Amino acid sequence: MEIRRDAGGVLIVAEIAKIHRGALAKAAAYVPASGDLRALIAAKREGYLWRSDLTSDRLAAVRRQLVMAEAAANPPPFEGIKTWLAKLATLVSNAPVPSGEICAVFAEVCSDIPDGAWTPQTRIAWIRQPDRDGYPVGSRWPAPGELYTHLLPFAEAIRAEVTNLRGILAMAEAPQEQPRQRPDAKEMARAGAFAAEVIRELRATSGETESRA
């Protein structure tokens, strides 16, 4: 990296670092499973996934997605919630200034909403809500409980994805059952002798019953 200095040289370095961090964060951002992975998850959920379906390429993709999904399922940093709310405030008509105290209330109510649910997509989904009984829900600032209800389906989808991906890996890593070996001649002879003995006992029992009758 080339570092140039002028009157604000330190500021230039800081801005370059900020851009670099932003690029890394964007590259590592969680995206729900799609395509073949989504089909595998659906097959696992419905009970139609077989071990033979799990090729090495698919398992590698499952492991990569699981790393992202597990990270998305972690609790969000407070600053992340504060930033999300600050950006929402610019999109609605009656937002308060999202102070630390206000954001703390939202963070408490939404304490089990994971990091991966606080995204631009969920913010836009709030804005695009249709009017409800003539009330423009999406263009207004939410109450903490309203926001929790809005974000909960996104949170549950992340947790369900983690569970399903772990289940797929568990299926692939479970020990395979050993195929049953064909019995040898001695085992066949023992089985035949046992069966003959059972038949003799049954016949004897049947004869005794008939004589008593």
C-alpha atoms as a PDB file:
ATOM      1  CA  MET A   1       0.000   0.000   0.000  1.00  0.00           C
ATOM      2  CA  GLU A   2       1.394   3.417  -0.919  1.00  0.00           C
ATOM      3  CA  ILE A   3       1.093   6.000   1.850  1.00  0.00           C
ATOM      4  CA  ARG A   4       1.204   9.628   0.789  1.00  0.00           C
ATOM      5  CA  ARG A   5       1.436  12.519   3.176  1.00  0.00           C
ATOM      6  CA  ASP A   6       0.085  15.997   2.877  1.00  0.00           C
ATOM      7  CA  ALA A   7      -1.249  18.395   5.463  1.00  0.00           C
ATOM      8  CA  GLY A   8      -3.733  15.737   6.556  1.00  0.00           C
ATOM      9  CA  GLY A   9      -1.491  12.727   6.016  1.00  0.00           C
ATOM     10  CA  VAL A  10      -2.780  10.783   8.983  1.00  0.00           C
ATOM     11  CA  LEU A  11      -6.338  11.298   7.782  1.00  0.00           C
ATOM     12  CA  ILE A  12      -5.470   9.791   4.396  1.00  0.00           C
ATOM     13  CA  VAL A  13      -4.106   6.648   6.048  1.00  0.00           C
ATOM     14  CA  ALA A  14      -7.197   6.407   8.250  1.00  0.00           C
ATOM     15  CA  GLU A  15      -9.519   6.746   5.253  1.00  0.00           C
ATOM     16  CA  ILE A  16      -7.624   4.054   3.335  1.00  0.00           C
ATOM     17  CA  ALA A  17      -7.904   1.725   6.331  1.00  0.00           C
ATOM     18  CA  LYS A  18     -11.613   2.502   6.634  1.00  0.00           C
ATOM     19  CA  ILE A  19     -12.224   1.640   2.986  1.00  0.00           C
ATOM     20  CA  HIS A  20     -10.231  -1.583   3.389  1.00  0.00           C
ATOM     21  CA  ARG A  21     -12.236  -2.626   6.455  1.00  0.00           C
ATOM     22  CA  GLY A  22     -15.473  -1.865   4.644  1.00  0.00           C
ATOM     23  CA  ALA A  23     -14.455  -4.013   1.691  1.00  0.00           C
ATOM     24  CA  LEU A  24     -13.570  -6.925   3.975  1.00  0.00           C
ATOM     25  CA  ALA A  25     -16.859  -6.611   5.854  1.00  0.00           C
ATOM     26  CA  LYS A  26     -18.813  -6.571   2.611  1.00  0.00           C
ATOM     27  CA  ALA A  27     -16.950  -9.624   1.302  1.00  0.00           C
ATOM     28  CA  ALA A  28     -17.663 -11.577   4.478  1.00  0.00           C
ATOM     29  CA  ALA A  29     -21.331 -10.523   4.737  1.00  0.00           C
ATOM     30  CA  TYR A  30     -23.803 -13.338   5.302  1.00  0.00           C
ATOM     31  CA  VAL A  31     -26.046 -14.303   2.405  1.00  0.00           C
ATOM     32  CA  PRO A  32     -28.706 -17.025   2.896  1.00  0.00           C
ATOM     33  CA  ALA A  33     -28.084 -20.315   1.124  1.00  0.00           C
ATOM     34  CA  SER A  34     -29.322 -20.458  -2.447  1.00  0.00           C
ATOM     35  CA  GLY A  35     -29.226 -22.731  -5.474  1.00  0.00           C
ATOM     36  CA  ASP A  36     -27.888 -26.221  -4.856  1.00  0.00           C
ATOM     37  CA  LEU A  37     -27.302 -25.585  -1.147  1.00  0.00           C
ATOM     38  CA  ARG A  38     -30.868 -24.452  -0.661  1.00  0.00           C
ATOM     39  CA  ALA A  39     -32.079 -27.587  -2.448  1.00  0.00           C
ATOM     40  CA  LEU A  40     -29.919 -29.772  -0.169  1.00  0.00           C
ATOM     41  CA  ILE A  41     -31.356 -28.090   2.919  1.00  0.00           C
ATOM     42  CA  ALA A  42     -34.909 -28.592   1.638  1.00  0.00           C
ATOM     43  CA  ALA A  43     -34.201 -32.274   0.896  1.00  0.00           C
ATOM     44  CA  LYS A  44     -32.741 -32.753   4.401  1.00  0.00           C
ATOM     45  CA  ARG A  45     -35.736 -31.059   6.001  1.00  0.00           C
ATOM     46  CA  GLU A  46     -38.209 -33.226   4.070  1.00  0.00           C
ATOM     47  CA  GLY A  47     -36.268 -36.451   4.655  1.00  0.00           C
ATOM     48  CA  TYR A  48     -35.242 -36.986   1.032  1.00  0.00           C
ATOM     49  CA  LEU A  49     -31.487 -36.445   1.370  1.00  0.00           C
ATOM     50  CA  TRP A  50     -29.234 -39.480   1.073  1.00  0.00           C
ATOM     51  CA  ARG A  51     -25.611 -39.858   1.970  1.00  0.00           C
ATOM     52  CA  SER A  52     -24.786 -40.628  -1.648  1.00  0.00           C
ATOM     53  CA  ASP A  53     -26.011 -37.106  -2.564  1.00  0.00           C
ATOM     54  CA  LEU A  54     -23.264 -35.513  -0.466  1.00  0.00           C
ATOM     55  CA  THR A  55     -20.351 -35.167  -2.862  1.00  0.00           C
ATOM     56  CA  SER A  56     -17.070 -33.631  -1.736  1.00  0.00           C
ATOM     57  CA  ASP A  57     -17.859 -30.373  -3.554  1.00  0.00           C
ATOM     58  CA  ARG A  58     -21.248 -30.124  -1.878  1.00  0.00           C
ATOM     59  CA  LEU A  59     -19.798 -30.802   1.541  1.00  0.00           C
ATOM     60  CA  ALA A  60     -17.159 -28.110   1.014  1.00  0.00           C
ATOM     61  CA  ALA A  61     -19.934 -25.665   0.109  1.00  0.00           C
ATOM     62  CA  VAL A  62     -21.934 -26.717   3.177  1.00  0.00           C
ATOM     63  CA  ARG A  63     -18.949 -26.068   5.449  1.00  0.00           C
ATOM     64  CA  ARG A  64     -18.323 -22.613   3.915  1.00  0.00           C
ATOM     65  CA  GLN A  65     -21.969 -21.641   4.297  1.00  0.00           C
ATOM     66  CA  LEU A  66     -22.073 -22.947   7.858  1.00  0.00           C
ATOM     67  CA  VAL A  67     -19.136 -20.733   8.865  1.00  0.00           C
ATOM     68  CA  MET A  68     -21.008 -17.663   7.580  1.00  0.00           C
ATOM     69  CA  ALA A  69     -24.345 -18.742   9.056  1.00  0.00           C
ATOM     70  CA  GLU A  70     -22.848 -19.417  12.489  1.00  0.00           C
ATOM     71  CA  ALA A  71     -21.218 -15.983  12.457  1.00  0.00           C
ATOM     72  CA  ALA A  72     -24.561 -14.446  11.441  1.00  0.00           C
ATOM     73  CA  ALA A  73     -26.250 -16.257  14.352  1.00  0.00           C
ATOM     74  CA  ASN A  74     -24.005 -14.527  16.918  1.00  0.00           C
ATOM     75  CA  PRO A  75     -25.355 -11.626  19.003  1.00  0.00           C
ATOM     76  CA  PRO A  76     -24.890  -8.259  17.305  1.00  0.00           C
ATOM     77  CA  PRO A  77     -22.544  -5.606  18.677  1.00  0.00           C
ATOM     78  CA  PHE A  78     -24.362  -2.650  20.193  1.00  0.00           C
ATOM     79  CA  GLU A  79     -22.734  -0.331  17.660  1.00  0.00           C
ATOM     80  CA  GLY A  80     -24.216  -2.457  14.882  1.00  0.00           C
ATOM     81  CA  ILE A  81     -27.743  -1.988  16.232  1.00  0.00           C
ATOM     82  CA  LYS A  82     -27.109   1.724  16.711  1.00  0.00           C
ATOM     83  CA  THR A  83     -25.893   2.105  13.127  1.00  0.00           C
ATOM     84  CA  TRP A  84     -28.897   0.147  11.789  1.00  0.00           C
ATOM     85  CA  LEU A  85     -31.327   2.383  13.677  1.00  0.00           C
ATOM     86  CA  ALA A  86     -29.501   5.561  12.645  1.00  0.00           C
ATOM     87  CA  LYS A  87     -29.867   4.602   8.983  1.00  0.00           C
ATOM     88  CA  LEU A  88     -33.533   3.712   9.483  1.00  0.00           C
ATOM     89  CA  ALA A  89     -34.068   7.158  11.010  1.00  0.00           C
ATOM     90  CA  THR A  90     -33.130   8.774   7.696  1.00  0.00           C
ATOM     91  CA  LEU A  91     -35.826   6.791   5.873  1.00  0.00           C
ATOM     92  CA  VAL A  92     -38.908   7.386   8.045  1.00  0.00           C
ATOM     93  CA  SER A  93     -40.919  10.489   8.796  1.00  0.00           C
ATOM     94  CA  ASN A  94     -41.137  10.623  12.590  1.00  0.00           C
ATOM     95  CA  ALA A  95     -37.831   9.218  13.847  1.00  0.00           C
ATOM     96  CA  PRO A  96     -36.260  10.473  17.067  1.00  0.00           C
ATOM     97  CA  VAL A  97     -32.570  11.134  17.249  1.00  0.00           C
ATOM     98  CA  PRO A  98     -31.282   7.561  17.852  1.00  0.00           C
ATOM     99  CA  SER A  99     -29.369   8.331  21.053  1.00  0.00           C
ATOM    100  CA  GLY A 100     -27.526   5.727  23.068  1.00  0.00           C
ATOM    101  CA  GLU A 101     -30.449   5.523  25.516  1.00  0.00           C
ATOM    102  CA  ILE A 102     -33.012   4.874  22.783  1.00  0.00           C
ATOM    103  CA  CYS A 103     -30.799   2.328  21.066  1.00  0.00           C
ATOM    104  CA  ALA A 104     -30.255   0.547  24.378  1.00  0.00           C
ATOM    105  CA  VAL A 105     -34.013   0.012  24.686  1.00  0.00           C
ATOM    106  CA  PHE A 106     -34.172  -1.545  21.211  1.00  0.00           C
ATOM    107  CA  ALA A 107     -31.113  -3.675  21.985  1.00  0.00           C
ATOM    108  CA  GLU A 108     -32.778  -4.990  25.153  1.00  0.00           C
ATOM    109  CA  VAL A 109     -36.075  -5.863  23.468  1.00  0.00           C
ATOM    110  CA  CYS A 110     -34.305  -7.412  20.466  1.00  0.00           C
ATOM    111  CA  SER A 111     -31.613  -9.146  22.524  1.00  0.00           C
ATOM    112  CA  ASP A 112     -32.104 -12.522  20.802  1.00  0.00           C
ATOM    113  CA  ILE A 113     -32.124 -11.119  17.258  1.00  0.00           C
ATOM    114  CA  PRO A 114     -28.749 -12.248  15.817  1.00  0.00           C
ATOM    115  CA  ASP A 115     -26.223 -10.150  13.979  1.00  0.00           C
ATOM    116  CA  GLY A 116     -27.211 -11.445  10.545  1.00  0.00           C
ATOM    117  CA  ALA A 117     -30.725 -10.024  10.833  1.00  0.00           C
ATOM    118  CA  TRP A 118     -29.509  -6.408  11.153  1.00  0.00           C
ATOM    119  CA  THR A 119     -28.899  -5.846   7.455  1.00  0.00           C
ATOM    120  CA  PRO A 120     -29.815  -3.300   4.797  1.00  0.00           C
ATOM    121  CA  GLN A 121     -32.273  -5.872   3.432  1.00  0.00           C
ATOM    122  CA  THR A 122     -34.255  -6.051   6.672  1.00  0.00           C
ATOM    123  CA  ARG A 123     -34.238  -2.265   6.924  1.00  0.00           C
ATOM    124  CA  ILE A 124     -35.626  -1.914   3.393  1.00  0.00           C
ATOM    125  CA  ALA A 125     -38.162  -4.646   4.181  1.00  0.00           C
ATOM    126  CA  TRP A 126     -39.471  -2.425   6.992  1.00  0.00           C
ATOM    127  CA  ILE A 127     -39.772   0.560   4.671  1.00  0.00           C
ATOM    128  CA  ARG A 128     -41.603  -1.428   1.987  1.00  0.00           C
ATOM    129  CA  GLN A 129     -44.357  -2.700   4.261  1.00  0.00           C
ATOM    130  CA  PRO A 130     -47.824  -1.958   2.913  1.00  0.00           C
ATOM    131  CA  ASP A 131     -50.174   0.310   4.796  1.00  0.00           C
ATOM    132  CA  ARG A 132     -52.058  -1.395   7.624  1.00  0.00           C
ATOM    133  CA  ASP A 133     -55.660  -0.256   8.132  1.00  0.00           C
ATOM    134  CA  GLY A 134     -54.758   2.952   6.370  1.00  0.00           C
ATOM    135  CA  TYR A 135     -51.701   3.545   8.568  1.00  0.00           C
ATOM    136  CA  PRO A 136     -48.399   3.902   6.682  1.00  0.00           C
ATOM    137  CA  VAL A 137     -46.422   1.439   8.817  1.00  0.00           C
ATOM    138  CA  GLY A 138     -43.292   1.345   6.696  1.00  0.00           C
ATOM    139  CA  SER A 139     -42.792   5.085   6.616  1.00  0.00           C
ATOM    140  CA  ARG A 140     -42.953   5.471  10.415  1.00  0.00           C
ATOM    141  CA  TRP A 141     -40.516   4.807  13.266  1.00  0.00           C
ATOM    142  CA  PRO A 142     -41.225   1.419  14.895  1.00  0.00           C
ATOM    143  CA  ALA A 143     -41.860   0.707  18.542  1.00  0.00           C
ATOM    144  CA  PRO A 144     -39.274  -1.748  19.937  1.00  0.00           C
ATOM    145  CA  GLY A 145     -41.820  -4.575  19.983  1.00  0.00           C
ATOM    146  CA  GLU A 146     -42.831  -3.878  16.396  1.00  0.00           C
ATOM    147  CA  LEU A 147     -39.231  -4.042  15.267  1.00  0.00           C
ATOM    148  CA  TYR A 148     -38.719  -7.311  17.139  1.00  0.00           C
ATOM    149  CA  THR A 149     -41.738  -8.843  15.370  1.00  0.00           C
ATOM    150  CA  HIS A 150     -40.412  -7.613  12.032  1.00  0.00           C
ATOM    151  CA  LEU A 151     -36.901  -9.015  12.516  1.00  0.00           C
ATOM    152  CA  LEU A 152     -37.901 -12.336  14.130  1.00  0.00           C
ATOM    153  CA  PRO A 153     -38.593 -14.266  10.870  1.00  0.00           C
ATOM    154  CA  PHE A 154     -35.153 -13.277   9.547  1.00  0.00           C
ATOM    155  CA  ALA A 155     -33.562 -14.430  12.811  1.00  0.00           C
ATOM    156  CA  GLU A 156     -35.416 -17.751  12.766  1.00  0.00           C
ATOM    157  CA  ALA A 157     -34.363 -18.363   9.158  1.00  0.00           C
ATOM    158  CA  ILE A 158     -30.687 -17.949  10.113  1.00  0.00           C
ATOM    159  CA  ARG A 159     -30.988 -20.300  13.091  1.00  0.00           C
ATOM    160  CA  ALA A 160     -32.866 -22.880  11.002  1.00  0.00           C
ATOM    161  CA  GLU A 161     -30.155 -22.743   8.344  1.00  0.00           C
ATOM    162  CA  VAL A 162     -27.448 -23.384  10.938  1.00  0.00           C
ATOM    163  CA  THR A 163     -29.402 -26.371  12.304  1.00  0.00           C
ATOM    164  CA  ASN A 164     -29.957 -27.865   8.846  1.00  0.00           C
ATOM    165  CA  LEU A 165     -26.362 -27.381   7.716  1.00  0.00           C
ATOM    166  CA  ARG A 166     -25.078 -29.033  10.893  1.00  0.00           C
ATOM    167  CA  GLY A 167     -27.492 -31.904  10.267  1.00  0.00           C
ATOM    168  CA  ILE A 168     -26.159 -32.389   6.738  1.00  0.00           C
ATOM    169  CA  LEU A 169     -22.576 -32.535   8.017  1.00  0.00           C
ATOM    170  CA  ALA A 170     -23.581 -34.946  10.789  1.00  0.00           C
ATOM    171  CA  MET A 171     -25.119 -37.227   8.166  1.00  0.00           C
ATOM    172  CA  ALA A 172     -21.929 -37.150   6.108  1.00  0.00           C
ATOM    173  CA  GLU A 173     -19.636 -37.728   9.104  1.00  0.00           C
ATOM    174  CA  ALA A 174     -21.623 -40.519  10.772  1.00  0.00           C
ATOM    175  CA  PRO A 175     -19.917 -43.946  10.652  1.00  0.00           C
ATOM    176  CA  GLN A 176     -21.168 -46.095   7.819  1.00  0.00           C
ATOM    177  CA  GLU A 177     -22.904 -49.328   8.710  1.00  0.00           C
ATOM    178  CA  GLN A 178     -20.848 -52.367   7.807  1.00  0.00           C
ATOM    179  CA  PRO A 179     -22.542 -54.627   5.275  1.00  0.00           C
ATOM    180  CA  ARG A 180     -23.704 -57.916   6.722  1.00  0.00           C
ATOM    181  CA  GLN A 181     -21.370 -60.774   5.881  1.00  0.00           C
ATOM    182  CA  ARG A 182     -22.749 -63.888   4.200  1.00  0.00           C
ATOM    183  CA  PRO A 183     -22.790 -66.777   6.752  1.00  0.00           C
ATOM    184  CA  ASP A 184     -20.228 -69.499   6.187  1.00  0.00           C
ATOM    185  CA  ALA A 185     -20.941 -73.259   5.998  1.00  0.00           C
ATOM    186  CA  LYS A 186     -20.605 -73.828   9.759  1.00  0.00           C
ATOM    187  CA  GLU A 187     -23.053 -71.029  10.577  1.00  0.00           C
ATOM    188  CA  MET A 188     -25.497 -72.391   7.990  1.00  0.00           C
ATOM    189  CA  ALA A 189     -25.200 -75.875   9.551  1.00  0.00           C
ATOM    190  CA  ARG A 190     -25.809 -74.518  13.059  1.00  0.00           C
ATOM    191  CA  ALA A 191     -28.820 -72.564  11.869  1.00  0.00           C
ATOM    192  CA  GLY A 192     -30.217 -75.650  10.117  1.00  0.00           C
ATOM    193  CA  ALA A 193     -29.762 -77.807  13.211  1.00  0.00           C
ATOM    194  CA  PHE A 194     -31.435 -75.194  15.385  1.00  0.00           C
ATOM    195  CA  ALA A 195     -34.385 -74.956  13.015  1.00  0.00           C
ATOM    196  CA  ALA A 196     -34.746 -78.768  12.918  1.00  0.00           C
ATOM    197  CA  GLU A 197     -34.741 -78.930  16.718  1.00  0.00           C
ATOM    198  CA  VAL A 198     -37.452 -76.267  16.929  1.00  0.00           C
ATOM    199  CA  ILE A 199     -39.587 -78.180  14.422  1.00  0.00           C
ATOM    200  CA  ARG A 200     -39.195 -81.427  16.409  1.00  0.00           C
ATOM    201  CA  GLU A 201     -40.223 -79.703  19.626  1.00  0.00           C
ATOM    202  CA  LEU A 202     -43.249 -78.152  17.951  1.00  0.00           C
ATOM    203  CA  ARG A 203     -44.332 -81.547  16.564  1.00  0.00           C
ATOM    204  CA  ALA A 204     -43.835 -83.210  19.925  1.00  0.00           C
ATOM    205  CA  THR A 205     -45.870 -80.558  21.671  1.00  0.00           C
ATOM    206  CA  SER A 206     -48.603 -80.883  19.053  1.00  0.00           C
ATOM    207  CA  GLY A 207     -48.719 -84.693  19.504  1.00  0.00           C
ATOM    208  CA  GLU A 208     -49.035 -84.444  23.283  1.00  0.00           C
ATOM    209  CA  THR A 209     -51.900 -81.979  22.910  1.00  0.00           C
ATOM    210  CA  GLU A 210     -53.787 -84.298  20.526  1.00  0.00           C
ATOM    211  CA  SER A 211     -53.337 -87.354  22.796  1.00  0.00           C
ATOM    212  CA  ARG A 212     -54.725 -85.475  25.790  1.00  0.00           C
ATOM    213  CA  ALA A 213     -57.708 -84.428  23.753  1.00  0.00           C
END
